[in-house]
Structures are given as structure tokens and as C-alpha cells.
């Protein structure tokens, strides 16, 4: 049995979840006691928010890809088990 899809699924899913968590944690830590994000300049606010948006989309794509890899692995595993059952008969 080939475990490539399983390994790729676990790696992409965990990377996507880590990226999603890391972006949200950085955003949370920037908030002050009033709940407003604090930036030193307007330019930093625009650039950081843009990069976070791209990072969130990348994390979302990685999570979906990881789930697809894991789904593909489970389908492949079921197909191999089904072939083993039919070969015994």
C-alpha cells in the first residue's frame, strides 16, 4: 500500500491549520484593551492586512487540499481492500 497520499494529506492539513492559527494569533495579539488593532502607520496596516488575507486564503487552500488527499487515501485503501476480498473468492 502506498502511503504517499496519507503523508501529503497530513502535512498539508497540519500546515494549513498551523498557518490559520498563527495568523489569527498574531491578529489577536495586536489588539489593545479596547479591542482595536494597533498599527504604527497606515502603510503597515494596509500591507499586513493584505498579507494576512493572502495567508488565510493559502491556509484555506492547504486545508482543503489536505482533506482531498486524505479522502483519496481512504478511497484507495477501500479499493485495495475490496480487491483483496474479491481475490479470495
PDB file of N, CA and C in Angstrom:
ATOM      1  N   UNK A   1       0.845  -1.178   0.000  1.00  0.00           N
ATOM      2  CA  UNK A   1       0.000   0.000   0.000  1.00  0.00           C
ATOM      3  C   UNK A   1       0.890   1.241   0.000  1.00  0.00           C
ATOM      4  N   UNK A   2       0.510   2.203  -0.797  1.00  0.00           N
ATOM      5  CA  UNK A   2       1.282   3.435  -0.918  1.00  0.00           C
ATOM      6  C   UNK A   2       0.727   4.478   0.063  1.00  0.00           C
ATOM      7  N   UNK A   3       1.583   4.999   0.906  1.00  0.00           N
ATOM      8  CA  UNK A   3       1.160   5.961   1.922  1.00  0.00           C
ATOM      9  C   UNK A   3       1.471   7.406   1.536  1.00  0.00           C
ATOM     10  N   UNK A   4       1.753   7.646   0.266  1.00  0.00           N
ATOM     11  CA  UNK A   4       2.087   8.998  -0.178  1.00  0.00           C
ATOM     12  C   UNK A   4       0.927   9.960   0.046  1.00  0.00           C
ATOM     13  N   UNK A   5      -0.282   9.546  -0.324  1.00  0.00           N
ATOM     14  CA  UNK A   5      -1.443  10.417  -0.142  1.00  0.00           C
ATOM     15  C   UNK A   5      -1.699  10.704   1.334  1.00  0.00           C
ATOM     16  N   UNK A   6      -1.489   9.715   2.183  1.00  0.00           N
ATOM     17  CA  UNK A   6      -1.690   9.916   3.618  1.00  0.00           C
ATOM     18  C   UNK A   6      -0.693  10.931   4.169  1.00  0.00           C
ATOM     19  N   UNK A   7       0.562  10.781   3.800  1.00  0.00           N
ATOM     20  CA  UNK A   7       1.596  11.703   4.285  1.00  0.00           C
ATOM     21  C   UNK A   7       1.353  13.108   3.756  1.00  0.00           C
ATOM     22  N   UNK A   8       1.047  13.215   2.457  1.00  0.00           N
ATOM     23  CA  UNK A   8       0.778  14.540   1.882  1.00  0.00           C
ATOM     24  C   UNK A   8      -0.452  15.168   2.525  1.00  0.00           C
ATOM     25  N   UNK A   9      -1.477  14.366   2.789  1.00  0.00           N
ATOM     26  CA  UNK A   9      -2.686  14.881   3.423  1.00  0.00           C
ATOM     27  C   UNK A   9      -2.426  15.397   4.821  1.00  0.00           C
ATOM     28  N   UNK A  10      -1.680  14.631   5.601  1.00  0.00           N
ATOM     29  CA  UNK A  10      -1.381  15.057   6.974  1.00  0.00           C
ATOM     30  C   UNK A  10      -0.520  16.313   6.975  1.00  0.00           C
ATOM     31  N   UNK A  11       0.487  16.354   6.101  1.00  0.00           N
ATOM     32  CA  UNK A  11       1.374  17.525   6.062  1.00  0.00           C
ATOM     33  C   UNK A  11       0.648  18.785   5.603  1.00  0.00           C
ATOM     34  N   UNK A  12      -0.132  18.695   4.529  1.00  0.00           N
ATOM     35  CA  UNK A  12      -0.816  19.893   4.041  1.00  0.00           C
ATOM     36  C   UNK A  12      -1.905  20.341   5.008  1.00  0.00           C
ATOM     37  N   UNK A  13      -2.620  19.390   5.590  1.00  0.00           N
ATOM     38  CA  UNK A  13      -3.662  19.753   6.548  1.00  0.00           C
ATOM     39  C   UNK A  13      -3.062  20.415   7.786  1.00  0.00           C
ATOM     40  N   UNK A  14      -1.995  19.839   8.328  1.00  0.00           N
ATOM     41  CA  UNK A  14      -1.386  20.426   9.526  1.00  0.00           C
ATOM     42  C   UNK A  14      -0.729  21.767   9.219  1.00  0.00           C
ATOM     43  N   UNK A  15      -0.128  21.914   8.036  1.00  0.00           N
ATOM     44  CA  UNK A  15       0.459  23.203   7.659  1.00  0.00           C
ATOM     45  C   UNK A  15      -0.621  24.264   7.517  1.00  0.00           C
ATOM     46  N   UNK A  16      -1.728  23.918   6.883  1.00  0.00           N
ATOM     47  CA  UNK A  16      -2.829  24.866   6.729  1.00  0.00           C
ATOM     48  C   UNK A  16      -3.425  25.278   8.059  1.00  0.00           C
ATOM     49  N   UNK A  17      -3.626  24.312   8.948  1.00  0.00           N
ATOM     50  CA  UNK A  17      -4.178  24.639  10.267  1.00  0.00           C
ATOM     51  C   UNK A  17      -3.212  25.488  11.086  1.00  0.00           C
ATOM     52  N   UNK A  18      -1.909  25.174  10.996  1.00  0.00           N
ATOM     53  CA  UNK A  18      -0.913  25.978  11.708  1.00  0.00           C
ATOM     54  C   UNK A  18      -0.893  27.409  11.180  1.00  0.00           C
ATOM     55  N   UNK A  19      -0.919  27.575   9.863  1.00  0.00           N
ATOM     56  CA  UNK A  19      -0.900  28.910   9.261  1.00  0.00           C
ATOM     57  C   UNK A  19      -2.133  29.700   9.666  1.00  0.00           C
ATOM     58  N   UNK A  20      -3.291  29.056   9.636  1.00  0.00           N
ATOM     59  CA  UNK A  20      -4.544  29.711  10.030  1.00  0.00           C
ATOM     60  C   UNK A  20      -4.463  30.162  11.495  1.00  0.00           C
ATOM     61  N   UNK A  21      -3.989  29.290  12.368  1.00  0.00           N
ATOM     62  CA  UNK A  21      -3.867  29.613  13.796  1.00  0.00           C
ATOM     63  C   UNK A  21      -2.848  30.733  14.020  1.00  0.00           C
ATOM     64  N   UNK A  22      -1.712  30.672  13.337  1.00  0.00           N
ATOM     65  CA  UNK A  22      -0.654  31.661  13.514  1.00  0.00           C
ATOM     66  C   UNK A  22      -1.127  33.053  13.098  1.00  0.00           C
ATOM     67  N   UNK A  23      -1.834  33.150  11.979  1.00  0.00           N
ATOM     68  CA  UNK A  23      -2.339  34.449  11.518  1.00  0.00           C
ATOM     69  C   UNK A  23      -3.353  34.998  12.514  1.00  0.00           C
ATOM     70  N   UNK A  24      -4.281  34.166  12.963  1.00  0.00           N
ATOM     71  CA  UNK A  24      -5.293  34.634  13.912  1.00  0.00           C
ATOM     72  C   UNK A  24      -4.679  35.024  15.252  1.00  0.00           C
ATOM     73  N   UNK A  25      -3.642  34.299  15.683  1.00  0.00           N
ATOM     74  CA  UNK A  25      -2.991  34.641  16.951  1.00  0.00           C
ATOM     75  C   UNK A  25      -2.259  35.976  16.844  1.00  0.00           C
ATOM     76  N   UNK A  26      -1.565  36.210  15.727  1.00  0.00           N
ATOM     77  CA  UNK A  26      -0.880  37.494  15.549  1.00  0.00           C
ATOM     78  C   UNK A  26      -1.889  38.635  15.513  1.00  0.00           C
ATOM     79  N   UNK A  27      -3.022  38.400  14.868  1.00  0.00           N
ATOM     80  CA  UNK A  27      -4.052  39.427  14.808  1.00  0.00           C
ATOM     81  C   UNK A  27      -4.630  39.684  16.204  1.00  0.00           C
ATOM     82  N   UNK A  28      -4.834  38.654  16.979  1.00  0.00           N
ATOM     83  CA  UNK A  28      -5.354  38.794  18.338  1.00  0.00           C
ATOM     84  C   UNK A  28      -4.367  39.548  19.226  1.00  0.00           C
ATOM     85  N   UNK A  29      -3.075  39.246  19.095  1.00  0.00           N
ATOM     86  CA  UNK A  29      -2.071  39.888  19.941  1.00  0.00           C
ATOM     87  C   UNK A  29      -1.867  41.363  19.607  1.00  0.00           C
ATOM     88  N   UNK A  30      -2.290  41.802  18.429  1.00  0.00           N
ATOM     89  CA  UNK A  30      -2.176  43.216  18.071  1.00  0.00           C
ATOM     90  C   UNK A  30      -3.281  44.062  18.685  1.00  0.00           C
ATOM     91  N   UNK A  31      -4.298  43.441  19.210  1.00  0.00           N
ATOM     92  CA  UNK A  31      -5.432  44.200  19.742  1.00  0.00           C
ATOM     93  C   UNK A  31      -5.094  44.781  21.118  1.00  0.00           C
ATOM     94  N   UNK A  32      -5.605  45.987  21.363  1.00  0.00           N
ATOM     95  CA  UNK A  32      -5.392  46.614  22.665  1.00  0.00           C
ATOM     96  C   UNK A  32      -6.567  46.293  23.589  1.00  0.00           C
ATOM     97  N   UNK A  33      -6.631  46.950  24.729  1.00  0.00           N
ATOM     98  CA  UNK A  33      -7.671  46.642  25.714  1.00  0.00           C
ATOM     99  C   UNK A  33      -9.070  47.019  25.219  1.00  0.00           C
ATOM    100  N   UNK A  34      -9.149  47.899  24.237  1.00  0.00           N
ATOM    101  CA  UNK A  34     -10.445  48.281  23.673  1.00  0.00           C
ATOM    102  C   UNK A  34     -10.872  47.373  22.529  1.00  0.00           C
ATOM    103  N   UNK A  35     -10.019  46.454  22.125  1.00  0.00           N
ATOM    104  CA  UNK A  35     -10.345  45.540  21.041  1.00  0.00           C
ATOM    105  C   UNK A  35     -10.014  46.066  19.661  1.00  0.00           C
ATOM    106  N   UNK A  36      -9.230  47.148  19.605  1.00  0.00           N
ATOM    107  CA  UNK A  36      -8.860  47.755  18.332  1.00  0.00           C
ATOM    108  C   UNK A  36      -7.432  47.350  17.996  1.00  0.00           C
ATOM    109  N   UNK A  37      -7.214  46.987  16.728  1.00  0.00           N
ATOM    110  CA  UNK A  37      -5.860  46.622  16.310  1.00  0.00           C
ATOM    111  C   UNK A  37      -4.993  47.876  16.261  1.00  0.00           C
ATOM    112  N   UNK A  38      -3.775  47.747  16.785  1.00  0.00           N
ATOM    113  CA  UNK A  38      -2.868  48.880  16.801  1.00  0.00           C
ATOM    114  C   UNK A  38      -1.737  48.709  15.802  1.00  0.00           C
ATOM    115  N   UNK A  39      -1.603  49.670  14.894  1.00  0.00           N
ATOM    116  CA  UNK A  39      -0.512  49.692  13.923  1.00  0.00           C
ATOM    117  C   UNK A  39       0.253  50.997  14.086  1.00  0.00           C
ATOM    118  N   UNK A  40       1.542  50.966  13.756  1.00  0.00           N
ATOM    119  CA  UNK A  40       2.347  52.176  13.891  1.00  0.00           C
ATOM    120  C   UNK A  40       2.128  53.137  12.736  1.00  0.00           C
ATOM    121  N   UNK A  41       1.692  52.637  11.587  1.00  0.00           N
ATOM    122  CA  UNK A  41       1.431  53.517  10.454  1.00  0.00           C
ATOM    123  C   UNK A  41       0.331  52.926   9.586  1.00  0.00           C
ATOM    124  N   UNK A  42      -0.227  53.773   8.750  1.00  0.00           N
ATOM    125  CA  UNK A  42      -1.279  53.344   7.838  1.00  0.00           C
ATOM    126  C   UNK A  42      -0.748  52.336   6.828  1.00  0.00           C
ATOM    127  N   UNK A  43       0.476  52.575   6.354  1.00  0.00           N
ATOM    128  CA  UNK A  43       1.071  51.680   5.360  1.00  0.00           C
ATOM    129  C   UNK A  43       1.254  50.272   5.920  1.00  0.00           C
ATOM    130  N   UNK A  44       1.729  50.183   7.165  1.00  0.00           N
ATOM    131  CA  UNK A  44       1.889  48.867   7.788  1.00  0.00           C
ATOM    132  C   UNK A  44       0.539  48.171   7.939  1.00  0.00           C
ATOM    133  N   UNK A  45      -0.479  48.921   8.288  1.00  0.00           N
ATOM    134  CA  UNK A  45      -1.810  48.334   8.446  1.00  0.00           C
ATOM    135  C   UNK A  45      -2.304  47.758   7.125  1.00  0.00           C
ATOM    136  N   UNK A  46      -2.118  48.495   6.043  1.00  0.00           N
ATOM    137  CA  UNK A  46      -2.580  48.031   4.735  1.00  0.00           C
ATOM    138  C   UNK A  46      -1.800  46.803   4.287  1.00  0.00           C
ATOM    139  N   UNK A  47      -0.481  46.853   4.409  1.00  0.00           N
ATOM    140  CA  UNK A  47       0.359  45.740   3.950  1.00  0.00           C
ATOM    141  C   UNK A  47       0.109  44.493   4.787  1.00  0.00           C
ATOM    142  N   UNK A  48       0.058  44.639   6.101  1.00  0.00           N
ATOM    143  CA  UNK A  48      -0.128  43.481   6.976  1.00  0.00           C
ATOM    144  C   UNK A  48      -1.496  42.845   6.752  1.00  0.00           C
ATOM    145  N   UNK A  49      -2.526  43.656   6.628  1.00  0.00           N
ATOM    146  CA  UNK A  49      -3.862  43.097   6.387  1.00  0.00           C
ATOM    147  C   UNK A  49      -3.936  42.399   5.031  1.00  0.00           C
ATOM    148  N   UNK A  50      -3.267  42.958   4.020  1.00  0.00           N
ATOM    149  CA  UNK A  50      -3.238  42.319   2.701  1.00  0.00           C
ATOM    150  C   UNK A  50      -2.522  40.974   2.769  1.00  0.00           C
ATOM    151  N   UNK A  51      -1.361  40.947   3.441  1.00  0.00           N
ATOM    152  CA  UNK A  51      -0.616  39.689   3.566  1.00  0.00           C
ATOM    153  C   UNK A  51      -1.387  38.656   4.391  1.00  0.00           C
ATOM    154  N   UNK A  52      -2.093  39.112   5.415  1.00  0.00           N
ATOM    155  CA  UNK A  52      -2.898  38.185   6.208  1.00  0.00           C
ATOM    156  C   UNK A  52      -4.040  37.607   5.387  1.00  0.00           C
ATOM    157  N   UNK A  53      -4.629  38.420   4.533  1.00  0.00           N
ATOM    158  CA  UNK A  53      -5.708  37.930   3.674  1.00  0.00           C
ATOM    159  C   UNK A  53      -5.189  36.857   2.723  1.00  0.00           C
ATOM    160  N   UNK A  54      -4.025  37.105   2.130  1.00  0.00           N
ATOM    161  CA  UNK A  54      -3.417  36.109   1.242  1.00  0.00           C
ATOM    162  C   UNK A  54      -3.058  34.852   2.032  1.00  0.00           C
ATOM    163  N   UNK A  55      -2.514  35.029   3.231  1.00  0.00           N
ATOM    164  CA  UNK A  55      -2.161  33.891   4.075  1.00  0.00           C
ATOM    165  C   UNK A  55      -3.368  33.059   4.465  1.00  0.00           C
ATOM    166  N   UNK A  56      -4.489  33.723   4.741  1.00  0.00           N
ATOM    167  CA  UNK A  56      -5.705  32.983   5.082  1.00  0.00           C
ATOM    168  C   UNK A  56      -6.209  32.169   3.896  1.00  0.00           C
ATOM    169  N   UNK A  57      -6.160  32.768   2.705  1.00  0.00           N
ATOM    170  CA  UNK A  57      -6.571  32.023   1.505  1.00  0.00           C
ATOM    171  C   UNK A  57      -5.642  30.843   1.264  1.00  0.00           C
ATOM    172  N   UNK A  58      -4.348  31.048   1.463  1.00  0.00           N
ATOM    173  CA  UNK A  58      -3.388  29.959   1.301  1.00  0.00           C
ATOM    174  C   UNK A  58      -3.656  28.850   2.322  1.00  0.00           C
ATOM    175  N   UNK A  59      -3.927  29.234   3.561  1.00  0.00           N
ATOM    176  CA  UNK A  59      -4.238  28.244   4.597  1.00  0.00           C
ATOM    177  C   UNK A  59      -5.509  27.480   4.245  1.00  0.00           C
ATOM    178  N   UNK A  60      -6.516  28.187   3.751  1.00  0.00           N
ATOM    179  CA  UNK A  60      -7.771  27.544   3.353  1.00  0.00           C
ATOM    180  C   UNK A  60      -7.533  26.536   2.232  1.00  0.00           C
ATOM    181  N   UNK A  61      -6.725  26.914   1.246  1.00  0.00           N
ATOM    182  CA  UNK A  61      -6.409  26.014   0.134  1.00  0.00           C
ATOM    183  C   UNK A  61      -5.641  24.798   0.639  1.00  0.00           C
ATOM    184  N   UNK A  62      -4.689  25.004   1.547  1.00  0.00           N
ATOM    185  CA  UNK A  62      -3.930  23.881   2.105  1.00  0.00           C
ATOM    186  C   UNK A  62      -4.826  22.929   2.897  1.00  0.00           C
ATOM    187  N   UNK A  63      -5.755  23.476   3.652  1.00  0.00           N
ATOM    188  CA  UNK A  63      -6.670  22.634   4.429  1.00  0.00           C
ATOM    189  C   UNK A  63      -7.543  21.802   3.497  1.00  0.00           C
ATOM    190  N   UNK A  64      -8.091  22.431   2.470  1.00  0.00           N
ATOM    191  CA  UNK A  64      -8.924  21.703   1.508  1.00  0.00           C
ATOM    192  C   UNK A  64      -8.096  20.641   0.789  1.00  0.00           C
ATOM    193  N   UNK A  65      -6.875  20.992   0.368  1.00  0.00           N
ATOM    194  CA  UNK A  65      -6.012  20.023  -0.320  1.00  0.00           C
ATOM    195  C   UNK A  65      -5.678  18.851   0.599  1.00  0.00           C
ATOM    196  N   UNK A  66      -5.402  19.125   1.864  1.00  0.00           N
ATOM    197  CA  UNK A  66      -5.116  18.055   2.811  1.00  0.00           C
ATOM    198  C   UNK A  66      -6.294  17.117   2.984  1.00  0.00           C
ATOM    199  N   UNK A  67      -7.497  17.684   3.056  1.00  0.00           N
ATOM    200  CA  UNK A  67      -8.687  16.841   3.176  1.00  0.00           C
ATOM    201  C   UNK A  67      -8.907  16.005   1.918  1.00  0.00           C
ATOM    202  N   UNK A  68      -8.633  16.587   0.749  1.00  0.00           N
ATOM    203  CA  UNK A  68      -8.767  15.836  -0.506  1.00  0.00           C
ATOM    204  C   UNK A  68      -7.756  14.696  -0.556  1.00  0.00           C
ATOM    205  N   UNK A  69      -6.517  14.956  -0.139  1.00  0.00           N
ATOM    206  CA  UNK A  69      -5.509  13.892  -0.105  1.00  0.00           C
ATOM    207  C   UNK A  69      -5.935  12.761   0.835  1.00  0.00           C
ATOM    208  N   UNK A  70      -6.436  13.121   2.012  1.00  0.00           N
ATOM    209  CA  UNK A  70      -6.872  12.096   2.963  1.00  0.00           C
ATOM    210  C   UNK A  70      -8.069  11.317   2.422  1.00  0.00           C
ATOM    211  N   UNK A  71      -8.981  12.005   1.748  1.00  0.00           N
ATOM    212  CA  UNK A  71     -10.123  11.339   1.135  1.00  0.00           C
ATOM    213  C   UNK A  71      -9.652  10.387   0.038  1.00  0.00           C
ATOM    214  N   UNK A  72      -8.693  10.836  -0.772  1.00  0.00           N
ATOM    215  CA  UNK A  72      -8.137   9.978  -1.818  1.00  0.00           C
ATOM    216  C   UNK A  72      -7.457   8.750  -1.240  1.00  0.00           C
ATOM    217  N   UNK A  73      -6.757   8.924  -0.128  1.00  0.00           N
ATOM    218  CA  UNK A  73      -6.111   7.783   0.522  1.00  0.00           C
ATOM    219  C   UNK A  73      -7.150   6.782   1.013  1.00  0.00           C
ATOM    220  N   UNK A  74      -8.228   7.282   1.611  1.00  0.00           N
ATOM    221  CA  UNK A  74      -9.250   6.358   2.116  1.00  0.00           C
ATOM    222  C   UNK A  74      -9.933   5.620   0.970  1.00  0.00           C
ATOM    223  N   UNK A  75     -10.168   6.306  -0.159  1.00  0.00           N
ATOM    224  CA  UNK A  75     -10.759   5.642  -1.324  1.00  0.00           C
ATOM    225  C   UNK A  75      -9.822   4.569  -1.862  1.00  0.00           C
ATOM    226  N   UNK A  76      -8.529   4.889  -1.942  1.00  0.00           N
ATOM    227  CA  UNK A  76      -7.545   3.921  -2.435  1.00  0.00           C
ATOM    228  C   UNK A  76      -7.461   2.710  -1.503  1.00  0.00           C
ATOM    229  N   UNK A  77      -7.506   2.966  -0.205  1.00  0.00           N
ATOM    230  CA  UNK A  77      -7.436   1.879   0.770  1.00  0.00           C
ATOM    231  C   UNK A  77      -8.653   0.966   0.652  1.00  0.00           C
ATOM    232  N   UNK A  78      -9.839   1.565   0.486  1.00  0.00           N
ATOM    233  CA  UNK A  78     -11.049   0.759   0.330  1.00  0.00           C
ATOM    234  C   UNK A  78     -11.001  -0.060  -0.958  1.00  0.00           C
ATOM    235  N   UNK A  79     -10.464   0.530  -2.021  1.00  0.00           N
ATOM    236  CA  UNK A  79     -10.368  -0.187  -3.291  1.00  0.00           C
ATOM    237  C   UNK A  79      -9.427  -1.385  -3.164  1.00  0.00           C
ATOM    238  N   UNK A  80      -8.311  -1.209  -2.478  1.00  0.00           N
ATOM    239  CA  UNK A  80      -7.358  -2.306  -2.284  1.00  0.00           C
ATOM    240  C   UNK A  80      -7.978  -3.400  -1.416  1.00  0.00           C
ATOM    241  N   UNK A  81      -8.700  -3.007  -0.366  1.00  0.00           N
ATOM    242  CA  UNK A  81      -9.360  -3.998   0.482  1.00  0.00           C
ATOM    243  C   UNK A  81     -10.437  -4.743  -0.290  1.00  0.00           C
ATOM    244  N   UNK A  82     -11.167  -4.042  -1.143  1.00  0.00           N
ATOM    245  CA  UNK A  82     -12.206  -4.678  -1.954  1.00  0.00           C
ATOM    246  C   UNK A  82     -11.596  -5.670  -2.937  1.00  0.00           C
ATOM    247  N   UNK A  83     -10.452  -5.316  -3.522  1.00  0.00           N
ATOM    248  CA  UNK A  83      -9.769  -6.232  -4.435  1.00  0.00           C
ATOM    249  C   UNK A  83      -9.278  -7.469  -3.690  1.00  0.00           C
ATOM    250  N   UNK A  84      -8.827  -7.298  -2.463  1.00  0.00           N
ATOM    251  CA  UNK A  84      -8.364  -8.437  -1.667  1.00  0.00           C
ATOM    252  C   UNK A  84      -9.516  -9.387  -1.367  1.00  0.00           C
ATOM    253  N   UNK A  85     -10.699  -8.834  -1.116  1.00  0.00           N
ATOM    254  CA  UNK A  85     -11.870  -9.663  -0.833  1.00  0.00           C
ATOM    255  C   UNK A  85     -12.283 -10.424  -2.087  1.00  0.00           C
ATOM    256  N   UNK A  86     -12.294  -9.756  -3.238  1.00  0.00           N
ATOM    257  CA  UNK A  86     -12.691 -10.434  -4.478  1.00  0.00           C
ATOM    258  C   UNK A  86     -11.647 -11.446  -4.925  1.00  0.00           C
ATOM    259  N   UNK A  87     -10.379 -11.221  -4.620  1.00  0.00           N
ATOM    260  CA  UNK A  87      -9.332 -12.180  -4.975  1.00  0.00           C
ATOM    261  C   UNK A  87      -9.450 -13.458  -4.154  1.00  0.00           C
ATOM    262  N   UNK A  88      -9.923 -13.353  -2.913  1.00  0.00           N
ATOM    263  CA  UNK A  88     -10.084 -14.530  -2.059  1.00  0.00           C
ATOM    264  C   UNK A  88     -11.223 -15.418  -2.551  1.00  0.00           C
ATOM    265  N   UNK A  89     -12.199 -14.812  -3.192  1.00  0.00           N
ATOM    266  CA  UNK A  89     -13.366 -15.576  -3.646  1.00  0.00           C
ATOM    267  C   UNK A  89     -13.067 -16.224  -4.920  1.00  0.00           C
TER     268      UNK A  89
END
